[in-house]
């Protein structure tokens, strides 16, 4: 299990990585490729996900409270009712936000 406090993975290629249960609290993942990554039960609260590619990522029971998702790509993400999201101001210019998430967050 990956544990992190204030680590920088900015621009990292983590496509298809299994990061289930990873603790990435306050991590810098700006511009990271997290496409099709498994982030189930991961703690991404307060993480910097600006311009991150989360397309196809699995976010079941993930904690993204306080995460910055500005300009992130959210195409085809998978989540459930236990996934914790940041407030709507953290989604500025995010792309490909699924309609169900738009409705859930009032975007």
PDB file of N, CA and C in Angstrom:
ATOM      1  N   UNK A   1       0.844  -1.173   0.000  1.00  0.00           N
ATOM      2  CA  UNK A   1       0.000   0.000   0.000  1.00  0.00           C
ATOM      3  C   UNK A   1       0.894   1.243   0.000  1.00  0.00           C
ATOM      4  N   UNK A   2       0.569   2.199  -0.862  1.00  0.00           N
ATOM      5  CA  UNK A   2       1.341   3.433  -0.968  1.00  0.00           C
ATOM      6  C   UNK A   2       0.839   4.434   0.052  1.00  0.00           C
ATOM      7  N   UNK A   3       1.728   4.956   0.872  1.00  0.00           N
ATOM      8  CA  UNK A   3       1.403   5.994   1.851  1.00  0.00           C
ATOM      9  C   UNK A   3       2.177   7.235   1.463  1.00  0.00           C
ATOM     10  N   UNK A   4       1.514   8.381   1.532  1.00  0.00           N
ATOM     11  CA  UNK A   4       2.178   9.592   1.104  1.00  0.00           C
ATOM     12  C   UNK A   4       1.642  10.800   1.846  1.00  0.00           C
ATOM     13  N   UNK A   5       2.500  11.688   2.199  1.00  0.00           N
ATOM     14  CA  UNK A   5       2.122  13.012   2.677  1.00  0.00           C
ATOM     15  C   UNK A   5       2.975  14.001   1.909  1.00  0.00           C
ATOM     16  N   UNK A   6       2.322  14.856   1.156  1.00  0.00           N
ATOM     17  CA  UNK A   6       2.975  15.918   0.407  1.00  0.00           C
ATOM     18  C   UNK A   6       4.049  15.421  -0.566  1.00  0.00           C
ATOM     19  N   UNK A   7       3.842  14.287  -1.179  1.00  0.00           N
ATOM     20  CA  UNK A   7       4.762  13.777  -2.193  1.00  0.00           C
ATOM     21  C   UNK A   7       4.387  14.379  -3.552  1.00  0.00           C
ATOM     22  N   UNK A   8       5.363  14.529  -4.419  1.00  0.00           N
ATOM     23  CA  UNK A   8       5.085  15.031  -5.760  1.00  0.00           C
ATOM     24  C   UNK A   8       5.198  13.904  -6.779  1.00  0.00           C
ATOM     25  N   UNK A   9       4.074  13.650  -7.432  1.00  0.00           N
ATOM     26  CA  UNK A   9       4.021  12.707  -8.545  1.00  0.00           C
ATOM     27  C   UNK A   9       3.509  13.453  -9.775  1.00  0.00           C
ATOM     28  N   UNK A  10       3.771  14.755  -9.807  1.00  0.00           N
ATOM     29  CA  UNK A  10       3.311  15.602 -10.909  1.00  0.00           C
ATOM     30  C   UNK A  10       3.845  15.050 -12.224  1.00  0.00           C
ATOM     31  N   UNK A  11       2.950  14.887 -13.186  1.00  0.00           N
ATOM     32  CA  UNK A  11       3.323  14.406 -14.508  1.00  0.00           C
ATOM     33  C   UNK A  11       3.645  12.930 -14.593  1.00  0.00           C
ATOM     34  N   UNK A  12       3.509  12.199 -13.508  1.00  0.00           N
ATOM     35  CA  UNK A  12       3.855  10.772 -13.500  1.00  0.00           C
ATOM     36  C   UNK A  12       2.901   9.962 -14.372  1.00  0.00           C
ATOM     37  N   UNK A  13       3.414   8.898 -14.973  1.00  0.00           N
ATOM     38  CA  UNK A  13       2.583   7.973 -15.731  1.00  0.00           C
ATOM     39  C   UNK A  13       2.173   6.843 -14.794  1.00  0.00           C
ATOM     40  N   UNK A  14       0.941   6.935 -14.306  1.00  0.00           N
ATOM     41  CA  UNK A  14       0.387   5.918 -13.412  1.00  0.00           C
ATOM     42  C   UNK A  14      -0.804   5.233 -14.073  1.00  0.00           C
ATOM     43  N   UNK A  15      -0.824   5.277 -15.395  1.00  0.00           N
ATOM     44  CA  UNK A  15      -1.908   4.660 -16.151  1.00  0.00           C
ATOM     45  C   UNK A  15      -1.994   3.175 -15.803  1.00  0.00           C
ATOM     46  N   UNK A  16      -3.208   2.728 -15.514  1.00  0.00           N
ATOM     47  CA  UNK A  16      -3.506   1.332 -15.181  1.00  0.00           C
ATOM     48  C   UNK A  16      -2.878   0.862 -13.860  1.00  0.00           C
ATOM     49  N   UNK A  17      -2.313   1.772 -13.079  1.00  0.00           N
ATOM     50  CA  UNK A  17      -1.705   1.394 -11.794  1.00  0.00           C
ATOM     51  C   UNK A  17      -2.791   0.986 -10.800  1.00  0.00           C
ATOM     52  N   UNK A  18      -2.469   0.011  -9.976  1.00  0.00           N
ATOM     53  CA  UNK A  18      -3.377  -0.385  -8.907  1.00  0.00           C
ATOM     54  C   UNK A  18      -2.966   0.370  -7.656  1.00  0.00           C
ATOM     55  N   UNK A  19      -3.718   1.420  -7.339  1.00  0.00           N
ATOM     56  CA  UNK A  19      -3.451   2.257  -6.182  1.00  0.00           C
ATOM     57  C   UNK A  19      -4.589   2.134  -5.166  1.00  0.00           C
ATOM     58  N   UNK A  20      -5.231   0.973  -5.151  1.00  0.00           N
ATOM     59  CA  UNK A  20      -6.313   0.736  -4.193  1.00  0.00           C
ATOM     60  C   UNK A  20      -5.807   0.958  -2.782  1.00  0.00           C
ATOM     61  N   UNK A  21      -6.529   1.758  -2.023  1.00  0.00           N
ATOM     62  CA  UNK A  21      -6.178   1.997  -0.629  1.00  0.00           C
ATOM     63  C   UNK A  21      -4.981   2.903  -0.424  1.00  0.00           C
ATOM     64  N   UNK A  22      -4.416   3.449  -1.492  1.00  0.00           N
ATOM     65  CA  UNK A  22      -3.252   4.336  -1.360  1.00  0.00           C
ATOM     66  C   UNK A  22      -3.642   5.593  -0.589  1.00  0.00           C
ATOM     67  N   UNK A  23      -2.734   6.063   0.222  1.00  0.00           N
ATOM     68  CA  UNK A  23      -2.959   7.304   0.960  1.00  0.00           C
ATOM     69  C   UNK A  23      -2.108   8.370   0.289  1.00  0.00           C
ATOM     70  N   UNK A  24      -2.769   9.205  -0.503  1.00  0.00           N
ATOM     71  CA  UNK A  24      -2.100  10.255  -1.261  1.00  0.00           C
ATOM     72  C   UNK A  24      -2.603  11.619  -0.805  1.00  0.00           C
ATOM     73  N   UNK A  25      -2.800  11.763   0.480  1.00  0.00           N
ATOM     74  CA  UNK A  25      -3.264  12.998   1.091  1.00  0.00           C
ATOM     75  C   UNK A  25      -2.276  14.117   0.773  1.00  0.00           C
ATOM     76  N   UNK A  26      -2.749  15.203   0.216  1.00  0.00           N
ATOM     77  CA  UNK A  26      -1.976  16.391  -0.129  1.00  0.00           C
ATOM     78  C   UNK A  26      -0.934  16.123  -1.224  1.00  0.00           C
ATOM     79  N   UNK A  27      -1.012  15.010  -1.918  1.00  0.00           N
ATOM     80  CA  UNK A  27      -0.043  14.691  -2.974  1.00  0.00           C
ATOM     81  C   UNK A  27      -0.227  15.616  -4.171  1.00  0.00           C
ATOM     82  N   UNK A  28       0.871  15.911  -4.850  1.00  0.00           N
ATOM     83  CA  UNK A  28       0.815  16.660  -6.094  1.00  0.00           C
ATOM     84  C   UNK A  28       0.781  15.664  -7.246  1.00  0.00           C
ATOM     85  N   UNK A  29      -0.369  15.581  -7.891  1.00  0.00           N
ATOM     86  CA  UNK A  29      -0.557  14.696  -9.039  1.00  0.00           C
ATOM     87  C   UNK A  29      -0.931  15.516 -10.268  1.00  0.00           C
ATOM     88  N   UNK A  30      -0.551  16.779 -10.260  1.00  0.00           N
ATOM     89  CA  UNK A  30      -0.868  17.680 -11.357  1.00  0.00           C
ATOM     90  C   UNK A  30      -0.312  17.131 -12.663  1.00  0.00           C
ATOM     91  N   UNK A  31      -1.175  17.008 -13.658  1.00  0.00           N
ATOM     92  CA  UNK A  31      -0.761  16.521 -14.967  1.00  0.00           C
ATOM     93  C   UNK A  31      -0.439  15.040 -15.019  1.00  0.00           C
ATOM     94  N   UNK A  32      -0.687  14.316 -13.948  1.00  0.00           N
ATOM     95  CA  UNK A  32      -0.381  12.876 -13.926  1.00  0.00           C
ATOM     96  C   UNK A  32      -1.363  12.107 -14.811  1.00  0.00           C
ATOM     97  N   UNK A  33      -0.883  11.034 -15.395  1.00  0.00           N
ATOM     98  CA  UNK A  33      -1.732  10.135 -16.176  1.00  0.00           C
ATOM     99  C   UNK A  33      -2.206   9.023 -15.245  1.00  0.00           C
ATOM    100  N   UNK A  34      -3.454   9.149 -14.803  1.00  0.00           N
ATOM    101  CA  UNK A  34      -4.086   8.145 -13.950  1.00  0.00           C
ATOM    102  C   UNK A  34      -5.188   7.420 -14.716  1.00  0.00           C
ATOM    103  N   UNK A  35      -5.097   7.443 -16.044  1.00  0.00           N
ATOM    104  CA  UNK A  35      -6.131   6.805 -16.850  1.00  0.00           C
ATOM    105  C   UNK A  35      -6.200   5.313 -16.542  1.00  0.00           C
ATOM    106  N   UNK A  36      -7.399   4.845 -16.343  1.00  0.00           N
ATOM    107  CA  UNK A  36      -7.703   3.441 -16.042  1.00  0.00           C
ATOM    108  C   UNK A  36      -7.008   2.926 -14.775  1.00  0.00           C
ATOM    109  N   UNK A  37      -6.570   3.849 -13.921  1.00  0.00           N
ATOM    110  CA  UNK A  37      -5.962   3.438 -12.644  1.00  0.00           C
ATOM    111  C   UNK A  37      -7.056   2.989 -11.680  1.00  0.00           C
ATOM    112  N   UNK A  38      -6.716   2.055 -10.827  1.00  0.00           N
ATOM    113  CA  UNK A  38      -7.641   1.587  -9.792  1.00  0.00           C
ATOM    114  C   UNK A  38      -7.313   2.372  -8.527  1.00  0.00           C
ATOM    115  N   UNK A  39      -8.244   3.249  -8.136  1.00  0.00           N
ATOM    116  CA  UNK A  39      -8.074   4.114  -6.976  1.00  0.00           C
ATOM    117  C   UNK A  39      -9.153   3.841  -5.935  1.00  0.00           C
ATOM    118  N   UNK A  40      -9.699   2.640  -5.947  1.00  0.00           N
ATOM    119  CA  UNK A  40     -10.738   2.271  -4.986  1.00  0.00           C
ATOM    120  C   UNK A  40     -10.208   2.428  -3.568  1.00  0.00           C
ATOM    121  N   UNK A  41     -10.979   3.082  -2.731  1.00  0.00           N
ATOM    122  CA  UNK A  41     -10.657   3.306  -1.319  1.00  0.00           C
ATOM    123  C   UNK A  41      -9.378   4.117  -1.111  1.00  0.00           C
ATOM    124  N   UNK A  42      -8.892   4.774  -2.157  1.00  0.00           N
ATOM    125  CA  UNK A  42      -7.715   5.634  -2.017  1.00  0.00           C
ATOM    126  C   UNK A  42      -8.102   6.937  -1.330  1.00  0.00           C
ATOM    127  N   UNK A  43      -7.167   7.497  -0.592  1.00  0.00           N
ATOM    128  CA  UNK A  43      -7.369   8.781   0.073  1.00  0.00           C
ATOM    129  C   UNK A  43      -6.608   9.832  -0.736  1.00  0.00           C
ATOM    130  N   UNK A  44      -7.363  10.641  -1.464  1.00  0.00           N
ATOM    131  CA  UNK A  44      -6.810  11.697  -2.300  1.00  0.00           C
ATOM    132  C   UNK A  44      -7.272  13.067  -1.807  1.00  0.00           C
ATOM    133  N   UNK A  45      -7.689  13.132  -0.548  1.00  0.00           N
ATOM    134  CA  UNK A  45      -8.177  14.399  -0.018  1.00  0.00           C
ATOM    135  C   UNK A  45      -7.065  15.437  -0.051  1.00  0.00           C
ATOM    136  N   UNK A  46      -7.417  16.631  -0.495  1.00  0.00           N
ATOM    137  CA  UNK A  46      -6.502  17.768  -0.625  1.00  0.00           C
ATOM    138  C   UNK A  46      -5.428  17.562  -1.693  1.00  0.00           C
ATOM    139  N   UNK A  47      -5.539  16.518  -2.518  1.00  0.00           N
ATOM    140  CA  UNK A  47      -4.550  16.269  -3.572  1.00  0.00           C
ATOM    141  C   UNK A  47      -4.703  17.275  -4.712  1.00  0.00           C
ATOM    142  N   UNK A  48      -3.608  17.582  -5.359  1.00  0.00           N
ATOM    143  CA  UNK A  48      -3.591  18.450  -6.528  1.00  0.00           C
ATOM    144  C   UNK A  48      -3.707  17.556  -7.761  1.00  0.00           C
ATOM    145  N   UNK A  49      -4.898  17.551  -8.353  1.00  0.00           N
ATOM    146  CA  UNK A  49      -5.156  16.746  -9.550  1.00  0.00           C
ATOM    147  C   UNK A  49      -5.420  17.644 -10.758  1.00  0.00           C
ATOM    148  N   UNK A  50      -4.878  18.865 -10.729  1.00  0.00           N
ATOM    149  CA  UNK A  50      -5.057  19.802 -11.839  1.00  0.00           C
ATOM    150  C   UNK A  50      -4.467  19.180 -13.113  1.00  0.00           C
ATOM    151  N   UNK A  51      -5.250  19.174 -14.161  1.00  0.00           N
ATOM    152  CA  UNK A  51      -4.878  18.632 -15.482  1.00  0.00           C
ATOM    153  C   UNK A  51      -4.574  17.131 -15.454  1.00  0.00           C
ATOM    154  N   UNK A  52      -4.939  16.433 -14.402  1.00  0.00           N
ATOM    155  CA  UNK A  52      -4.704  14.987 -14.347  1.00  0.00           C
ATOM    156  C   UNK A  52      -5.665  14.267 -15.293  1.00  0.00           C
ATOM    157  N   UNK A  53      -5.193  13.200 -15.895  1.00  0.00           N
ATOM    158  CA  UNK A  53      -6.030  12.360 -16.753  1.00  0.00           C
ATOM    159  C   UNK A  53      -6.558  11.215 -15.896  1.00  0.00           C
ATOM    160  N   UNK A  54      -7.827  11.321 -15.512  1.00  0.00           N
ATOM    161  CA  UNK A  54      -8.472  10.286 -14.710  1.00  0.00           C
ATOM    162  C   UNK A  54      -9.433   9.453 -15.559  1.00  0.00           C
ATOM    163  N   UNK A  55      -9.329   9.562 -16.873  1.00  0.00           N
ATOM    164  CA  UNK A  55     -10.274   8.858 -17.735  1.00  0.00           C
ATOM    165  C   UNK A  55     -10.238   7.355 -17.476  1.00  0.00           C
ATOM    166  N   UNK A  56     -11.408   6.797 -17.267  1.00  0.00           N
ATOM    167  CA  UNK A  56     -11.531   5.368 -17.017  1.00  0.00           C
ATOM    168  C   UNK A  56     -11.083   4.918 -15.639  1.00  0.00           C
ATOM    169  N   UNK A  57     -10.705   5.844 -14.767  1.00  0.00           N
ATOM    170  CA  UNK A  57     -10.244   5.478 -13.417  1.00  0.00           C
ATOM    171  C   UNK A  57     -11.393   4.930 -12.574  1.00  0.00           C
ATOM    172  N   UNK A  58     -11.058   4.017 -11.686  1.00  0.00           N
ATOM    173  CA  UNK A  58     -12.034   3.434 -10.775  1.00  0.00           C
ATOM    174  C   UNK A  58     -11.865   4.112  -9.422  1.00  0.00           C
ATOM    175  N   UNK A  59     -12.897   4.839  -9.014  1.00  0.00           N
ATOM    176  CA  UNK A  59     -12.854   5.657  -7.799  1.00  0.00           C
ATOM    177  C   UNK A  59     -13.876   5.189  -6.766  1.00  0.00           C
ATOM    178  N   UNK A  60     -14.171   3.906  -6.747  1.00  0.00           N
ATOM    179  CA  UNK A  60     -15.135   3.342  -5.808  1.00  0.00           C
ATOM    180  C   UNK A  60     -14.633   3.571  -4.375  1.00  0.00           C
ATOM    181  N   UNK A  61     -15.468   4.194  -3.546  1.00  0.00           N
ATOM    182  CA  UNK A  61     -15.163   4.488  -2.132  1.00  0.00           C
ATOM    183  C   UNK A  61     -13.916   5.351  -1.938  1.00  0.00           C
ATOM    184  N   UNK A  62     -13.476   6.053  -2.979  1.00  0.00           N
ATOM    185  CA  UNK A  62     -12.305   6.933  -2.849  1.00  0.00           C
ATOM    186  C   UNK A  62     -12.691   8.213  -2.126  1.00  0.00           C
ATOM    187  N   UNK A  63     -11.725   8.822  -1.456  1.00  0.00           N
ATOM    188  CA  UNK A  63     -11.937  10.091  -0.768  1.00  0.00           C
ATOM    189  C   UNK A  63     -11.189  11.178  -1.524  1.00  0.00           C
ATOM    190  N   UNK A  64     -11.955  12.001  -2.252  1.00  0.00           N
ATOM    191  CA  UNK A  64     -11.388  13.124  -2.986  1.00  0.00           C
ATOM    192  C   UNK A  64     -11.804  14.455  -2.367  1.00  0.00           C
ATOM    193  N   UNK A  65     -12.263  14.437  -1.127  1.00  0.00           N
ATOM    194  CA  UNK A  65     -12.713  15.679  -0.488  1.00  0.00           C
ATOM    195  C   UNK A  65     -11.562  16.672  -0.447  1.00  0.00           C
ATOM    196  N   UNK A  66     -11.812  17.869  -0.900  1.00  0.00           N
ATOM    197  CA  UNK A  66     -10.794  18.912  -0.918  1.00  0.00           C
ATOM    198  C   UNK A  66      -9.801  18.814  -2.055  1.00  0.00           C
ATOM    199  N   UNK A  67      -9.889  17.775  -2.890  1.00  0.00           N
ATOM    200  CA  UNK A  67      -8.965  17.632  -4.023  1.00  0.00           C
ATOM    201  C   UNK A  67      -9.258  18.705  -5.069  1.00  0.00           C
ATOM    202  N   UNK A  68      -8.254  19.116  -5.780  1.00  0.00           N
ATOM    203  CA  UNK A  68      -8.398  20.104  -6.849  1.00  0.00           C
ATOM    204  C   UNK A  68      -8.448  19.373  -8.180  1.00  0.00           C
ATOM    205  N   UNK A  69      -9.622  19.432  -8.846  1.00  0.00           N
ATOM    206  CA  UNK A  69      -9.850  18.715 -10.100  1.00  0.00           C
ATOM    207  C   UNK A  69      -9.947  19.648 -11.304  1.00  0.00           C
ATOM    208  N   UNK A  70      -9.491  20.885 -11.161  1.00  0.00           N
ATOM    209  CA  UNK A  70      -9.559  21.831 -12.273  1.00  0.00           C
ATOM    210  C   UNK A  70      -8.828  21.277 -13.488  1.00  0.00           C
ATOM    211  N   UNK A  71      -9.499  21.331 -14.620  1.00  0.00           N
ATOM    212  CA  UNK A  71      -8.969  20.892 -15.911  1.00  0.00           C
ATOM    213  C   UNK A  71      -8.613  19.412 -15.965  1.00  0.00           C
ATOM    214  N   UNK A  72      -9.084  18.626 -15.000  1.00  0.00           N
ATOM    215  CA  UNK A  72      -8.872  17.173 -15.037  1.00  0.00           C
ATOM    216  C   UNK A  72      -9.824  16.542 -16.046  1.00  0.00           C
ATOM    217  N   UNK A  73      -9.418  15.428 -16.627  1.00  0.00           N
ATOM    218  CA  UNK A  73     -10.259  14.674 -17.558  1.00  0.00           C
ATOM    219  C   UNK A  73     -10.930  13.555 -16.775  1.00  0.00           C
ATOM    220  N   UNK A  74     -12.264  13.603 -16.707  1.00  0.00           N
ATOM    221  CA  UNK A  74     -13.037  12.648 -15.916  1.00  0.00           C
ATOM    222  C   UNK A  74     -13.875  11.710 -16.785  1.00  0.00           C
ATOM    223  N   UNK A  75     -13.465  11.510 -18.009  1.00  0.00           N
ATOM    224  CA  UNK A  75     -14.228  10.664 -18.935  1.00  0.00           C
ATOM    225  C   UNK A  75     -14.278   9.216 -18.452  1.00  0.00           C
ATOM    226  N   UNK A  76     -15.484   8.657 -18.443  1.00  0.00           N
ATOM    227  CA  UNK A  76     -15.719   7.237 -18.137  1.00  0.00           C
ATOM    228  C   UNK A  76     -15.226   6.792 -16.758  1.00  0.00           C
ATOM    229  N   UNK A  77     -15.161   7.721 -15.787  1.00  0.00           N
ATOM    230  CA  UNK A  77     -14.764   7.311 -14.434  1.00  0.00           C
ATOM    231  C   UNK A  77     -15.859   6.440 -13.822  1.00  0.00           C
ATOM    232  N   UNK A  78     -15.459   5.602 -12.886  1.00  0.00           N
ATOM    233  CA  UNK A  78     -16.393   4.743 -12.158  1.00  0.00           C
ATOM    234  C   UNK A  78     -16.326   5.154 -10.691  1.00  0.00           C
ATOM    235  N   UNK A  79     -17.487   5.386 -10.086  1.00  0.00           N
ATOM    236  CA  UNK A  79     -17.564   5.758  -8.680  1.00  0.00           C
ATOM    237  C   UNK A  79     -18.844   5.222  -8.099  1.00  0.00           C
ATOM    238  N   UNK A  80     -19.016   5.353  -6.796  1.00  0.00           N
ATOM    239  CA  UNK A  80     -20.259   4.920  -6.163  1.00  0.00           C
ATOM    240  C   UNK A  80     -20.708   5.971  -5.149  1.00  0.00           C
ATOM    241  N   UNK A  81     -21.778   5.658  -4.449  1.00  0.00           N
ATOM    242  CA  UNK A  81     -22.338   6.619  -3.491  1.00  0.00           C
ATOM    243  C   UNK A  81     -21.413   6.876  -2.305  1.00  0.00           C
ATOM    244  N   UNK A  82     -20.423   6.043  -2.094  1.00  0.00           N
ATOM    245  CA  UNK A  82     -19.485   6.240  -0.987  1.00  0.00           C
ATOM    246  C   UNK A  82     -18.244   7.041  -1.400  1.00  0.00           C
ATOM    247  N   UNK A  83     -18.116   7.335  -2.685  1.00  0.00           N
ATOM    248  CA  UNK A  83     -17.017   8.179  -3.146  1.00  0.00           C
ATOM    249  C   UNK A  83     -17.256   9.590  -2.614  1.00  0.00           C
ATOM    250  N   UNK A  84     -16.242  10.167  -2.005  1.00  0.00           N
ATOM    251  CA  UNK A  84     -16.348  11.516  -1.449  1.00  0.00           C
ATOM    252  C   UNK A  84     -15.696  12.502  -2.411  1.00  0.00           C
ATOM    253  N   UNK A  85     -16.474  13.519  -2.800  1.00  0.00           N
ATOM    254  CA  UNK A  85     -16.031  14.493  -3.788  1.00  0.00           C
ATOM    255  C   UNK A  85     -15.761  15.838  -3.137  1.00  0.00           C
ATOM    256  N   UNK A  86     -14.905  16.668  -3.762  1.00  0.00           N
ATOM    257  CA  UNK A  86     -14.713  18.035  -3.272  1.00  0.00           C
ATOM    258  C   UNK A  86     -15.930  18.880  -3.622  1.00  0.00           C
ATOM    259  N   UNK A  87     -15.975  20.099  -3.111  1.00  0.00           N
ATOM    260  CA  UNK A  87     -17.103  20.972  -3.476  1.00  0.00           C
ATOM    261  C   UNK A  87     -16.971  21.368  -4.940  1.00  0.00           C
ATOM    262  N   UNK A  88     -18.051  21.852  -5.477  1.00  0.00           N
ATOM    263  CA  UNK A  88     -18.125  22.089  -6.918  1.00  0.00           C
ATOM    264  C   UNK A  88     -17.124  23.103  -7.446  1.00  0.00           C
ATOM    265  N   UNK A  89     -16.611  23.982  -6.601  1.00  0.00           N
ATOM    266  CA  UNK A  89     -15.627  24.968  -7.061  1.00  0.00           C
ATOM    267  C   UNK A  89     -14.311  24.313  -7.469  1.00  0.00           C
ATOM    268  N   UNK A  90     -14.083  23.079  -7.052  1.00  0.00           N
ATOM    269  CA  UNK A  90     -12.832  22.366  -7.357  1.00  0.00           C
ATOM    270  C   UNK A  90     -12.861  21.652  -8.712  1.00  0.00           C
ATOM    271  N   UNK A  91     -13.976  21.817  -9.456  1.00  0.00           N
ATOM    272  CA  UNK A  91     -14.132  21.168 -10.759  1.00  0.00           C
ATOM    273  C   UNK A  91     -13.982  22.154 -11.922  1.00  0.00           C
ATOM    274  N   UNK A  92     -13.440  23.340 -11.690  1.00  0.00           N
ATOM    275  CA  UNK A  92     -13.376  24.365 -12.731  1.00  0.00           C
ATOM    276  C   UNK A  92     -12.678  23.852 -13.983  1.00  0.00           C
ATOM    277  N   UNK A  93     -13.364  23.974 -15.089  1.00  0.00           N
ATOM    278  CA  UNK A  93     -12.856  23.580 -16.400  1.00  0.00           C
ATOM    279  C   UNK A  93     -12.487  22.101 -16.514  1.00  0.00           C
ATOM    280  N   UNK A  94     -12.960  21.268 -15.583  1.00  0.00           N
ATOM    281  CA  UNK A  94     -12.761  19.826 -15.733  1.00  0.00           C
ATOM    282  C   UNK A  94     -13.500  19.383 -16.993  1.00  0.00           C
ATOM    283  N   UNK A  95     -12.973  18.388 -17.677  1.00  0.00           N
ATOM    284  CA  UNK A  95     -13.578  17.943 -18.926  1.00  0.00           C
ATOM    285  C   UNK A  95     -14.189  16.561 -18.778  1.00  0.00           C
ATOM    286  N   UNK A  96     -15.160  16.300 -19.629  1.00  0.00           N
ATOM    287  CA  UNK A  96     -15.814  14.992 -19.721  1.00  0.00           C
ATOM    288  C   UNK A  96     -16.409  14.532 -18.386  1.00  0.00           C
ATOM    289  N   UNK A  97     -16.979  15.463 -17.630  1.00  0.00           N
ATOM    290  CA  UNK A  97     -17.625  15.108 -16.361  1.00  0.00           C
ATOM    291  C   UNK A  97     -18.891  14.317 -16.685  1.00  0.00           C
ATOM    292  N   UNK A  98     -19.036  13.108 -16.155  1.00  0.00           N
ATOM    293  CA  UNK A  98     -20.237  12.320 -16.432  1.00  0.00           C
ATOM    294  C   UNK A  98     -21.506  13.053 -15.972  1.00  0.00           C
ATOM    295  N   UNK A  99     -22.569  12.890 -16.736  1.00  0.00           N
ATOM    296  CA  UNK A  99     -23.835  13.576 -16.418  1.00  0.00           C
ATOM    297  C   UNK A  99     -24.310  13.270 -14.999  1.00  0.00           C
ATOM    298  N   UNK A 100     -24.195  12.020 -14.567  1.00  0.00           N
ATOM    299  CA  UNK A 100     -24.647  11.655 -13.225  1.00  0.00           C
ATOM    300  C   UNK A 100     -23.873  12.408 -12.157  1.00  0.00           C
ATOM    301  N   UNK A 101     -22.577  12.620 -12.375  1.00  0.00           N
ATOM    302  CA  UNK A 101     -21.771  13.366 -11.405  1.00  0.00           C
ATOM    303  C   UNK A 101     -22.129  14.851 -11.443  1.00  0.00           C
ATOM    304  N   UNK A 102     -22.388  15.366 -12.642  1.00  0.00           N
ATOM    305  CA  UNK A 102     -22.833  16.773 -12.767  1.00  0.00           C
ATOM    306  C   UNK A 102     -24.096  16.995 -11.949  1.00  0.00           C
ATOM    307  N   UNK A 103     -25.028  16.067 -12.059  1.00  0.00           N
ATOM    308  CA  UNK A 103     -26.279  16.181 -11.317  1.00  0.00           C
ATOM    309  C   UNK A 103     -26.033  16.057  -9.818  1.00  0.00           C
ATOM    310  N   UNK A 104     -25.215  15.105  -9.435  1.00  0.00           N
ATOM    311  CA  UNK A 104     -24.921  14.872  -8.024  1.00  0.00           C
ATOM    312  C   UNK A 104     -24.270  16.091  -7.361  1.00  0.00           C
ATOM    313  N   UNK A 105     -23.355  16.767  -8.076  1.00  0.00           N
ATOM    314  CA  UNK A 105     -22.608  17.891  -7.534  1.00  0.00           C
ATOM    315  C   UNK A 105     -23.203  19.247  -7.896  1.00  0.00           C
ATOM    316  N   UNK A 106     -24.250  19.248  -8.734  1.00  0.00           N
ATOM    317  CA  UNK A 106     -24.848  20.512  -9.151  1.00  0.00           C
ATOM    318  C   UNK A 106     -23.940  21.323 -10.064  1.00  0.00           C
ATOM    319  N   UNK A 107     -23.260  20.643 -10.958  1.00  0.00           N
ATOM    320  CA  UNK A 107     -22.315  21.313 -11.871  1.00  0.00           C
ATOM    321  C   UNK A 107     -22.993  21.735 -13.156  1.00  0.00           C
TER     322      UNK A 107
END
